[in-house]
Amino acid sequence: MSNQNEERLPESVRFQEALDMHNSEAISTHTDAATAAEMPRSTFLHRVHGRRSAEDYNKGYQLLNTAEEGILVWYCDILQKTGFPQSVKDVLSI
């Protein structure tokens, strides 16, 4: 088990490493590979058979990319600090 203070790898990286070990026969079963990836066996099997991760799936429905989100947050921060906080309606119109 990993240390609480230790930073965990993203799920996609853990999955790929466990899948590579399983394909190279360093890990013999899907159950052991799922344990190595620190994910449920069913999730590991679904991903092996082509299901996208929830993070990848949700990215397809985002209206803004990460850079655009950052700019919007920065803009709203500046407006709020100068005394002009934005309502949701104002932000949606930007």
PDB file of N, CA and C in Angstrom:
ATOM      1  N   MET A   1       0.845  -1.184   0.000  1.00  0.00           N
ATOM      2  CA  MET A   1       0.000   0.000   0.000  1.00  0.00           C
ATOM      3  C   MET A   1       0.882   1.235   0.000  1.00  0.00           C
ATOM      4  N   SER A   2       0.485   2.266  -0.750  1.00  0.00           N
ATOM      5  CA  SER A   2       1.308   3.461  -0.877  1.00  0.00           C
ATOM      6  C   SER A   2       1.150   4.358   0.337  1.00  0.00           C
ATOM      7  N   ASN A   3       2.164   5.149   0.567  1.00  0.00           N
ATOM      8  CA  ASN A   3       2.194   6.099   1.661  1.00  0.00           C
ATOM      9  C   ASN A   3       1.188   7.222   1.392  1.00  0.00           C
ATOM     10  N   GLN A   4       0.522   7.729   2.429  1.00  0.00           N
ATOM     11  CA  GLN A   4      -0.469   8.792   2.279  1.00  0.00           C
ATOM     12  C   GLN A   4       0.159  10.058   1.703  1.00  0.00           C
ATOM     13  N   ASN A   5       1.400  10.362   2.076  1.00  0.00           N
ATOM     14  CA  ASN A   5       2.068  11.575   1.615  1.00  0.00           C
ATOM     15  C   ASN A   5       2.610  11.433   0.199  1.00  0.00           C
ATOM     16  N   GLU A   6       2.714  10.200  -0.281  1.00  0.00           N
ATOM     17  CA  GLU A   6       3.257   9.939  -1.605  1.00  0.00           C
ATOM     18  C   GLU A   6       2.228  10.277  -2.672  1.00  0.00           C
ATOM     19  N   GLU A   7       2.670  10.952  -3.721  1.00  0.00           N
ATOM     20  CA  GLU A   7       1.763  11.345  -4.800  1.00  0.00           C
ATOM     21  C   GLU A   7       1.465  10.141  -5.691  1.00  0.00           C
ATOM     22  N   ARG A   8       0.178   9.922  -5.991  1.00  0.00           N
ATOM     23  CA  ARG A   8      -0.221   8.785  -6.830  1.00  0.00           C
ATOM     24  C   ARG A   8      -0.150   9.167  -8.300  1.00  0.00           C
ATOM     25  N   LEU A   9       0.167   8.172  -9.112  1.00  0.00           N
ATOM     26  CA  LEU A   9       0.155   8.368 -10.554  1.00  0.00           C
ATOM     27  C   LEU A   9      -1.290   8.470 -11.025  1.00  0.00           C
ATOM     28  N   PRO A  10      -1.549   9.156 -12.122  1.00  0.00           N
ATOM     29  CA  PRO A  10      -2.904   9.211 -12.671  1.00  0.00           C
ATOM     30  C   PRO A  10      -3.393   7.798 -13.030  1.00  0.00           C
ATOM     31  N   GLU A  11      -4.701   7.621 -12.992  1.00  0.00           N
ATOM     32  CA  GLU A  11      -5.281   6.309 -13.269  1.00  0.00           C
ATOM     33  C   GLU A  11      -4.878   5.780 -14.643  1.00  0.00           C
ATOM     34  N   SER A  12      -4.843   6.647 -15.640  1.00  0.00           N
ATOM     35  CA  SER A  12      -4.502   6.201 -16.989  1.00  0.00           C
ATOM     36  C   SER A  12      -3.084   5.643 -17.059  1.00  0.00           C
ATOM     37  N   VAL A  13      -2.159   6.231 -16.306  1.00  0.00           N
ATOM     38  CA  VAL A  13      -0.778   5.752 -16.283  1.00  0.00           C
ATOM     39  C   VAL A  13      -0.704   4.419 -15.551  1.00  0.00           C
ATOM     40  N   ARG A  14      -1.378   4.328 -14.398  1.00  0.00           N
ATOM     41  CA  ARG A  14      -1.385   3.062 -13.644  1.00  0.00           C
ATOM     42  C   ARG A  14      -1.983   1.945 -14.483  1.00  0.00           C
ATOM     43  N   PHE A  15      -3.082   2.245 -15.196  1.00  0.00           N
ATOM     44  CA  PHE A  15      -3.725   1.237 -16.046  1.00  0.00           C
ATOM     45  C   PHE A  15      -2.777   0.770 -17.134  1.00  0.00           C
ATOM     46  N   GLN A  16      -2.138   1.709 -17.829  1.00  0.00           N
ATOM     47  CA  GLN A  16      -1.258   1.340 -18.941  1.00  0.00           C
ATOM     48  C   GLN A  16      -0.073   0.509 -18.472  1.00  0.00           C
ATOM     49  N   GLU A  17       0.512   0.877 -17.331  1.00  0.00           N
ATOM     50  CA  GLU A  17       1.634   0.105 -16.792  1.00  0.00           C
ATOM     51  C   GLU A  17       1.201  -1.311 -16.431  1.00  0.00           C
ATOM     52  N   ALA A  18       0.037  -1.446 -15.787  1.00  0.00           N
ATOM     53  CA  ALA A  18      -0.456  -2.771 -15.411  1.00  0.00           C
ATOM     54  C   ALA A  18      -0.797  -3.595 -16.651  1.00  0.00           C
ATOM     55  N   LEU A  19      -1.368  -2.958 -17.665  1.00  0.00           N
ATOM     56  CA  LEU A  19      -1.698  -3.664 -18.907  1.00  0.00           C
ATOM     57  C   LEU A  19      -0.423  -4.128 -19.612  1.00  0.00           C
ATOM     58  N   ASP A  20       0.592  -3.274 -19.649  1.00  0.00           N
ATOM     59  CA  ASP A  20       1.864  -3.663 -20.260  1.00  0.00           C
ATOM     60  C   ASP A  20       2.487  -4.852 -19.531  1.00  0.00           C
ATOM     61  N   MET A  21       2.439  -4.824 -18.197  1.00  0.00           N
ATOM     62  CA  MET A  21       2.981  -5.949 -17.423  1.00  0.00           C
ATOM     63  C   MET A  21       2.180  -7.218 -17.684  1.00  0.00           C
ATOM     64  N   HIS A  22       0.857  -7.085 -17.808  1.00  0.00           N
ATOM     65  CA  HIS A  22       0.018  -8.259 -18.091  1.00  0.00           C
ATOM     66  C   HIS A  22       0.318  -8.807 -19.490  1.00  0.00           C
ATOM     67  N   ASN A  23       0.464  -7.926 -20.461  1.00  0.00           N
ATOM     68  CA  ASN A  23       0.747  -8.363 -21.835  1.00  0.00           C
ATOM     69  C   ASN A  23       2.131  -8.994 -21.964  1.00  0.00           C
ATOM     70  N   SER A  24       3.087  -8.536 -21.153  1.00  0.00           N
ATOM     71  CA  SER A  24       4.434  -9.111 -21.199  1.00  0.00           C
ATOM     72  C   SER A  24       4.544 -10.337 -20.297  1.00  0.00           C
ATOM     73  N   GLU A  25       3.428 -10.718 -19.708  1.00  0.00           N
ATOM     74  CA  GLU A  25       3.309 -11.893 -18.849  1.00  0.00           C
ATOM     75  C   GLU A  25       4.089 -11.769 -17.544  1.00  0.00           C
ATOM     76  N   ALA A  26       4.429 -10.547 -17.150  1.00  0.00           N
ATOM     77  CA  ALA A  26       5.026 -10.330 -15.832  1.00  0.00           C
ATOM     78  C   ALA A  26       3.953 -10.496 -14.754  1.00  0.00           C
ATOM     79  N   ILE A  27       2.699 -10.210 -15.141  1.00  0.00           N
ATOM     80  CA  ILE A  27       1.536 -10.440 -14.277  1.00  0.00           C
ATOM     81  C   ILE A  27       0.649 -11.413 -15.023  1.00  0.00           C
ATOM     82  N   SER A  28       0.235 -12.492 -14.343  1.00  0.00           N
ATOM     83  CA  SER A  28      -0.456 -13.559 -15.062  1.00  0.00           C
ATOM     84  C   SER A  28      -1.964 -13.380 -15.183  1.00  0.00           C
ATOM     85  N   THR A  29      -2.605 -12.717 -14.235  1.00  0.00           N
ATOM     86  CA  THR A  29      -4.072 -12.632 -14.281  1.00  0.00           C
ATOM     87  C   THR A  29      -4.533 -11.180 -14.334  1.00  0.00           C
ATOM     88  N   HIS A  30      -5.749 -11.000 -14.828  1.00  0.00           N
ATOM     89  CA  HIS A  30      -6.345  -9.665 -14.843  1.00  0.00           C
ATOM     90  C   HIS A  30      -6.550  -9.152 -13.423  1.00  0.00           C
ATOM     91  N   THR A  31      -6.858 -10.039 -12.508  1.00  0.00           N
ATOM     92  CA  THR A  31      -7.074  -9.646 -11.118  1.00  0.00           C
ATOM     93  C   THR A  31      -5.794  -9.056 -10.529  1.00  0.00           C
ATOM     94  N   ASP A  32      -4.665  -9.705 -10.782  1.00  0.00           N
ATOM     95  CA  ASP A  32      -3.393  -9.199 -10.286  1.00  0.00           C
ATOM     96  C   ASP A  32      -3.030  -7.873 -10.956  1.00  0.00           C
ATOM     97  N   ALA A  33      -3.327  -7.753 -12.239  1.00  0.00           N
ATOM     98  CA  ALA A  33      -3.055  -6.512 -12.964  1.00  0.00           C
ATOM     99  C   ALA A  33      -3.916  -5.378 -12.411  1.00  0.00           C
ATOM    100  N   ALA A  34      -5.181  -5.662 -12.129  1.00  0.00           N
ATOM    101  CA  ALA A  34      -6.071  -4.646 -11.558  1.00  0.00           C
ATOM    102  C   ALA A  34      -5.572  -4.211 -10.189  1.00  0.00           C
ATOM    103  N   THR A  35      -5.092  -5.155  -9.399  1.00  0.00           N
ATOM    104  CA  THR A  35      -4.529  -4.827  -8.087  1.00  0.00           C
ATOM    105  C   THR A  35      -3.301  -3.936  -8.247  1.00  0.00           C
ATOM    106  N   ALA A  36      -2.453  -4.265  -9.224  1.00  0.00           N
ATOM    107  CA  ALA A  36      -1.257  -3.450  -9.476  1.00  0.00           C
ATOM    108  C   ALA A  36      -1.637  -2.036  -9.911  1.00  0.00           C
ATOM    109  N   ALA A  37      -2.732  -1.898 -10.664  1.00  0.00           N
ATOM    110  CA  ALA A  37      -3.197  -0.590 -11.129  1.00  0.00           C
ATOM    111  C   ALA A  37      -4.016   0.141 -10.072  1.00  0.00           C
ATOM    112  N   GLU A  38      -4.258  -0.515  -8.944  1.00  0.00           N
ATOM    113  CA  GLU A  38      -5.051   0.049  -7.850  1.00  0.00           C
ATOM    114  C   GLU A  38      -6.437   0.460  -8.323  1.00  0.00           C
ATOM    115  N   MET A  39      -7.096  -0.451  -9.047  1.00  0.00           N
ATOM    116  CA  MET A  39      -8.457  -0.191  -9.503  1.00  0.00           C
ATOM    117  C   MET A  39      -9.251  -1.483  -9.409  1.00  0.00           C
ATOM    118  N   PRO A  40     -10.580  -1.400  -9.362  1.00  0.00           N
ATOM    119  CA  PRO A  40     -11.396  -2.607  -9.324  1.00  0.00           C
ATOM    120  C   PRO A  40     -11.171  -3.472 -10.571  1.00  0.00           C
ATOM    121  N   ARG A  41     -11.293  -4.777 -10.399  1.00  0.00           N
ATOM    122  CA  ARG A  41     -11.085  -5.711 -11.508  1.00  0.00           C
ATOM    123  C   ARG A  41     -12.036  -5.404 -12.656  1.00  0.00           C
ATOM    124  N   SER A  42     -13.299  -5.097 -12.333  1.00  0.00           N
ATOM    125  CA  SER A  42     -14.283  -4.823 -13.383  1.00  0.00           C
ATOM    126  C   SER A  42     -13.889  -3.592 -14.201  1.00  0.00           C
ATOM    127  N   THR A  43     -13.382  -2.554 -13.542  1.00  0.00           N
ATOM    128  CA  THR A  43     -12.936  -1.350 -14.254  1.00  0.00           C
ATOM    129  C   THR A  43     -11.768  -1.685 -15.167  1.00  0.00           C
ATOM    130  N   PHE A  44     -10.827  -2.462 -14.649  1.00  0.00           N
ATOM    131  CA  PHE A  44      -9.670  -2.858 -15.455  1.00  0.00           C
ATOM    132  C   PHE A  44     -10.126  -3.623 -16.695  1.00  0.00           C
ATOM    133  N   LEU A  45     -11.034  -4.575 -16.523  1.00  0.00           N
ATOM    134  CA  LEU A  45     -11.513  -5.365 -17.662  1.00  0.00           C
ATOM    135  C   LEU A  45     -12.261  -4.506 -18.674  1.00  0.00           C
ATOM    136  N   HIS A  46     -13.090  -3.597 -18.201  1.00  0.00           N
ATOM    137  CA  HIS A  46     -13.804  -2.699 -19.117  1.00  0.00           C
ATOM    138  C   HIS A  46     -12.820  -1.862 -19.926  1.00  0.00           C
ATOM    139  N   ARG A  47     -11.777  -1.362 -19.259  1.00  0.00           N
ATOM    140  CA  ARG A  47     -10.776  -0.551 -19.957  1.00  0.00           C
ATOM    141  C   ARG A  47      -9.993  -1.396 -20.960  1.00  0.00           C
ATOM    142  N   VAL A  48      -9.697  -2.662 -20.620  1.00  0.00           N
ATOM    143  CA  VAL A  48      -9.004  -3.565 -21.546  1.00  0.00           C
ATOM    144  C   VAL A  48      -9.826  -3.748 -22.817  1.00  0.00           C
ATOM    145  N   HIS A  49     -11.136  -3.794 -22.653  1.00  0.00           N
ATOM    146  CA  HIS A  49     -12.027  -4.030 -23.789  1.00  0.00           C
ATOM    147  C   HIS A  49     -12.473  -2.743 -24.479  1.00  0.00           C
ATOM    148  N   GLY A  50     -11.797  -1.616 -24.176  1.00  0.00           N
ATOM    149  CA  GLY A  50     -12.008  -0.413 -24.958  1.00  0.00           C
ATOM    150  C   GLY A  50     -12.800   0.712 -24.331  1.00  0.00           C
ATOM    151  N   ARG A  51     -13.325   0.528 -23.144  1.00  0.00           N
ATOM    152  CA  ARG A  51     -14.071   1.625 -22.527  1.00  0.00           C
ATOM    153  C   ARG A  51     -13.110   2.742 -22.142  1.00  0.00           C
ATOM    154  N   ARG A  52     -13.522   3.980 -22.396  1.00  0.00           N
ATOM    155  CA  ARG A  52     -12.701   5.134 -22.031  1.00  0.00           C
ATOM    156  C   ARG A  52     -12.826   5.400 -20.538  1.00  0.00           C
ATOM    157  N   SER A  53     -11.806   6.052 -19.985  1.00  0.00           N
ATOM    158  CA  SER A  53     -11.880   6.446 -18.582  1.00  0.00           C
ATOM    159  C   SER A  53     -12.926   7.551 -18.444  1.00  0.00           C
ATOM    160  N   ALA A  54     -13.442   7.736 -17.252  1.00  0.00           N
ATOM    161  CA  ALA A  54     -14.449   8.772 -17.015  1.00  0.00           C
ATOM    162  C   ALA A  54     -13.877  10.150 -17.353  1.00  0.00           C
ATOM    163  N   GLU A  55     -12.603  10.354 -17.044  1.00  0.00           N
ATOM    164  CA  GLU A  55     -11.962  11.645 -17.336  1.00  0.00           C
ATOM    165  C   GLU A  55     -11.940  11.902 -18.842  1.00  0.00           C
ATOM    166  N   ASP A  56     -11.541  10.910 -19.624  1.00  0.00           N
ATOM    167  CA  ASP A  56     -11.508  11.072 -21.078  1.00  0.00           C
ATOM    168  C   ASP A  56     -12.910  11.255 -21.651  1.00  0.00           C
ATOM    169  N   TYR A  57     -13.868  10.516 -21.119  1.00  0.00           N
ATOM    170  CA  TYR A  57     -15.248  10.605 -21.586  1.00  0.00           C
ATOM    171  C   TYR A  57     -15.806  12.010 -21.348  1.00  0.00           C
ATOM    172  N   ASN A  58     -15.564  12.536 -20.155  1.00  0.00           N
ATOM    173  CA  ASN A  58     -16.108  13.849 -19.796  1.00  0.00           C
ATOM    174  C   ASN A  58     -15.449  14.991 -20.553  1.00  0.00           C
ATOM    175  N   LYS A  59     -14.190  14.811 -20.962  1.00  0.00           N
ATOM    176  CA  LYS A  59     -13.511  15.866 -21.725  1.00  0.00           C
ATOM    177  C   LYS A  59     -14.239  16.160 -23.031  1.00  0.00           C
ATOM    178  N   GLY A  60     -14.909  15.171 -23.586  1.00  0.00           N
ATOM    179  CA  GLY A  60     -15.639  15.371 -24.826  1.00  0.00           C
ATOM    180  C   GLY A  60     -16.844  16.276 -24.681  1.00  0.00           C
ATOM    181  N   TYR A  61     -17.298  16.498 -23.465  1.00  0.00           N
ATOM    182  CA  TYR A  61     -18.479  17.322 -23.223  1.00  0.00           C
ATOM    183  C   TYR A  61     -18.143  18.704 -22.664  1.00  0.00           C
ATOM    184  N   GLN A  62     -16.863  19.003 -22.495  1.00  0.00           N
ATOM    185  CA  GLN A  62     -16.486  20.312 -21.963  1.00  0.00           C
ATOM    186  C   GLN A  62     -16.616  21.371 -23.046  1.00  0.00           C
ATOM    187  N   LEU A  63     -17.113  22.529 -22.656  1.00  0.00           N
ATOM    188  CA  LEU A  63     -17.263  23.638 -23.594  1.00  0.00           C
ATOM    189  C   LEU A  63     -15.957  24.400 -23.780  1.00  0.00           C
ATOM    190  N   LEU A  64     -15.128  24.418 -22.736  1.00  0.00           N
ATOM    191  CA  LEU A  64     -13.865  25.153 -22.784  1.00  0.00           C
ATOM    192  C   LEU A  64     -12.710  24.189 -22.565  1.00  0.00           C
ATOM    193  N   ASN A  65     -11.581  24.469 -23.211  1.00  0.00           N
ATOM    194  CA  ASN A  65     -10.405  23.667 -22.910  1.00  0.00           C
ATOM    195  C   ASN A  65      -9.745  24.222 -21.647  1.00  0.00           C
ATOM    196  N   THR A  66      -8.700  23.571 -21.173  1.00  0.00           N
ATOM    197  CA  THR A  66      -8.069  23.952 -19.910  1.00  0.00           C
ATOM    198  C   THR A  66      -7.535  25.378 -19.944  1.00  0.00           C
ATOM    199  N   ALA A  67      -6.925  25.773 -21.038  1.00  0.00           N
ATOM    200  CA  ALA A  67      -6.374  27.135 -21.141  1.00  0.00           C
ATOM    201  C   ALA A  67      -7.497  28.174 -21.092  1.00  0.00           C
ATOM    202  N   GLU A  68      -8.585  27.912 -21.798  1.00  0.00           N
ATOM    203  CA  GLU A  68      -9.713  28.850 -21.798  1.00  0.00           C
ATOM    204  C   GLU A  68     -10.334  28.959 -20.411  1.00  0.00           C
ATOM    205  N   GLU A  69     -10.426  27.834 -19.691  1.00  0.00           N
ATOM    206  CA  GLU A  69     -10.949  27.865 -18.328  1.00  0.00           C
ATOM    207  C   GLU A  69     -10.082  28.737 -17.440  1.00  0.00           C
ATOM    208  N   GLY A  70      -8.763  28.581 -17.574  1.00  0.00           N
ATOM    209  CA  GLY A  70      -7.835  29.371 -16.769  1.00  0.00           C
ATOM    210  C   GLY A  70      -7.975  30.860 -17.026  1.00  0.00           C
ATOM    211  N   ILE A  71      -8.128  31.221 -18.280  1.00  0.00           N
ATOM    212  CA  ILE A  71      -8.287  32.637 -18.637  1.00  0.00           C
ATOM    213  C   ILE A  71      -9.597  33.188 -18.069  1.00  0.00           C
ATOM    214  N   LEU A  72     -10.658  32.419 -18.154  1.00  0.00           N
ATOM    215  CA  LEU A  72     -11.950  32.853 -17.635  1.00  0.00           C
ATOM    216  C   LEU A  72     -11.894  33.040 -16.121  1.00  0.00           C
ATOM    217  N   VAL A  73     -11.255  32.115 -15.417  1.00  0.00           N
ATOM    218  CA  VAL A  73     -11.112  32.232 -13.958  1.00  0.00           C
ATOM    219  C   VAL A  73     -10.281  33.465 -13.613  1.00  0.00           C
ATOM    220  N   TRP A  74      -9.191  33.668 -14.340  1.00  0.00           N
ATOM    221  CA  TRP A  74      -8.332  34.844 -14.115  1.00  0.00           C
ATOM    222  C   TRP A  74      -9.128  36.129 -14.319  1.00  0.00           C
ATOM    223  N   TYR A  75      -9.896  36.204 -15.395  1.00  0.00           N
ATOM    224  CA  TYR A  75     -10.690  37.389 -15.715  1.00  0.00           C
ATOM    225  C   TYR A  75     -11.720  37.668 -14.606  1.00  0.00           C
ATOM    226  N   CYS A  76     -12.414  36.633 -14.163  1.00  0.00           N
ATOM    227  CA  CYS A  76     -13.416  36.804 -13.105  1.00  0.00           C
ATOM    228  C   CYS A  76     -12.751  37.221 -11.788  1.00  0.00           C
ATOM    229  N   ASP A  77     -11.567  36.670 -11.513  1.00  0.00           N
ATOM    230  CA  ASP A  77     -10.812  37.051 -10.318  1.00  0.00           C
ATOM    231  C   ASP A  77     -10.470  38.532 -10.337  1.00  0.00           C
ATOM    232  N   ILE A  78      -9.961  38.998 -11.465  1.00  0.00           N
ATOM    233  CA  ILE A  78      -9.592  40.407 -11.605  1.00  0.00           C
ATOM    234  C   ILE A  78     -10.816  41.295 -11.391  1.00  0.00           C
ATOM    235  N   LEU A  79     -11.932  40.943 -12.022  1.00  0.00           N
ATOM    236  CA  LEU A  79     -13.148  41.747 -11.869  1.00  0.00           C
ATOM    237  C   LEU A  79     -13.612  41.777 -10.419  1.00  0.00           C
ATOM    238  N   GLN A  80     -13.551  40.626  -9.733  1.00  0.00           N
ATOM    239  CA  GLN A  80     -13.999  40.584  -8.351  1.00  0.00           C
ATOM    240  C   GLN A  80     -13.077  41.408  -7.454  1.00  0.00           C
ATOM    241  N   LYS A  81     -11.774  41.336  -7.675  1.00  0.00           N
ATOM    242  CA  LYS A  81     -10.823  42.088  -6.848  1.00  0.00           C
ATOM    243  C   LYS A  81     -10.948  43.591  -7.061  1.00  0.00           C
ATOM    244  N   THR A  82     -11.438  43.998  -8.223  1.00  0.00           N
ATOM    245  CA  THR A  82     -11.609  45.427  -8.482  1.00  0.00           C
ATOM    246  C   THR A  82     -13.019  45.906  -8.145  1.00  0.00           C
ATOM    247  N   GLY A  83     -13.838  45.036  -7.561  1.00  0.00           N
ATOM    248  CA  GLY A  83     -15.149  45.454  -7.093  1.00  0.00           C
ATOM    249  C   GLY A  83     -16.287  45.232  -8.070  1.00  0.00           C
ATOM    250  N   PHE A  84     -16.069  44.433  -9.086  1.00  0.00           N
ATOM    251  CA  PHE A  84     -17.111  44.154 -10.064  1.00  0.00           C
ATOM    252  C   PHE A  84     -17.345  42.650 -10.209  1.00  0.00           C
ATOM    253  N   PRO A  85     -17.848  41.997  -9.147  1.00  0.00           N
ATOM    254  CA  PRO A  85     -18.060  40.540  -9.241  1.00  0.00           C
ATOM    255  C   PRO A  85     -19.094  40.208 -10.320  1.00  0.00           C
ATOM    256  N   GLN A  86     -18.878  39.123 -11.004  1.00  0.00           N
ATOM    257  CA  GLN A  86     -19.738  38.711 -12.113  1.00  0.00           C
ATOM    258  C   GLN A  86     -20.806  37.741 -11.651  1.00  0.00           C
ATOM    259  N   SER A  87     -21.982  37.840 -12.217  1.00  0.00           N
ATOM    260  CA  SER A  87     -23.029  36.845 -11.965  1.00  0.00           C
ATOM    261  C   SER A  87     -22.825  35.717 -12.974  1.00  0.00           C
ATOM    262  N   VAL A  88     -23.510  34.618 -12.758  1.00  0.00           N
ATOM    263  CA  VAL A  88     -23.418  33.483 -13.688  1.00  0.00           C
ATOM    264  C   VAL A  88     -23.841  33.915 -15.075  1.00  0.00           C
ATOM    265  N   LYS A  89     -24.884  34.735 -15.163  1.00  0.00           N
ATOM    266  CA  LYS A  89     -25.376  35.222 -16.455  1.00  0.00           C
ATOM    267  C   LYS A  89     -24.290  36.001 -17.184  1.00  0.00           C
ATOM    268  N   ASP A  90     -23.552  36.860 -16.451  1.00  0.00           N
ATOM    269  CA  ASP A  90     -22.486  37.645 -17.076  1.00  0.00           C
ATOM    270  C   ASP A  90     -21.360  36.733 -17.577  1.00  0.00           C
ATOM    271  N   VAL A  91     -21.008  35.740 -16.785  1.00  0.00           N
ATOM    272  CA  VAL A  91     -19.917  34.829 -17.170  1.00  0.00           C
ATOM    273  C   VAL A  91     -20.303  34.033 -18.398  1.00  0.00           C
ATOM    274  N   LEU A  92     -21.544  33.602 -18.471  1.00  0.00           N
ATOM    275  CA  LEU A  92     -21.981  32.819 -19.631  1.00  0.00           C
ATOM    276  C   LEU A  92     -21.952  33.635 -20.912  1.00  0.00           C
ATOM    277  N   SER A  93     -22.081  34.949 -20.788  1.00  0.00           N
ATOM    278  CA  SER A  93     -22.095  35.805 -21.976  1.00  0.00           C
ATOM    279  C   SER A  93     -20.692  36.200 -22.438  1.00  0.00           C
ATOM    280  N   ILE A  94     -19.682  35.922 -21.632  1.00  0.00           N
ATOM    281  CA  ILE A  94     -18.295  36.291 -21.978  1.00  0.00           C
ATOM    282  C   ILE A  94     -17.801  35.430 -23.118  1.00  0.00           C
TER     283      ILE A  94
END
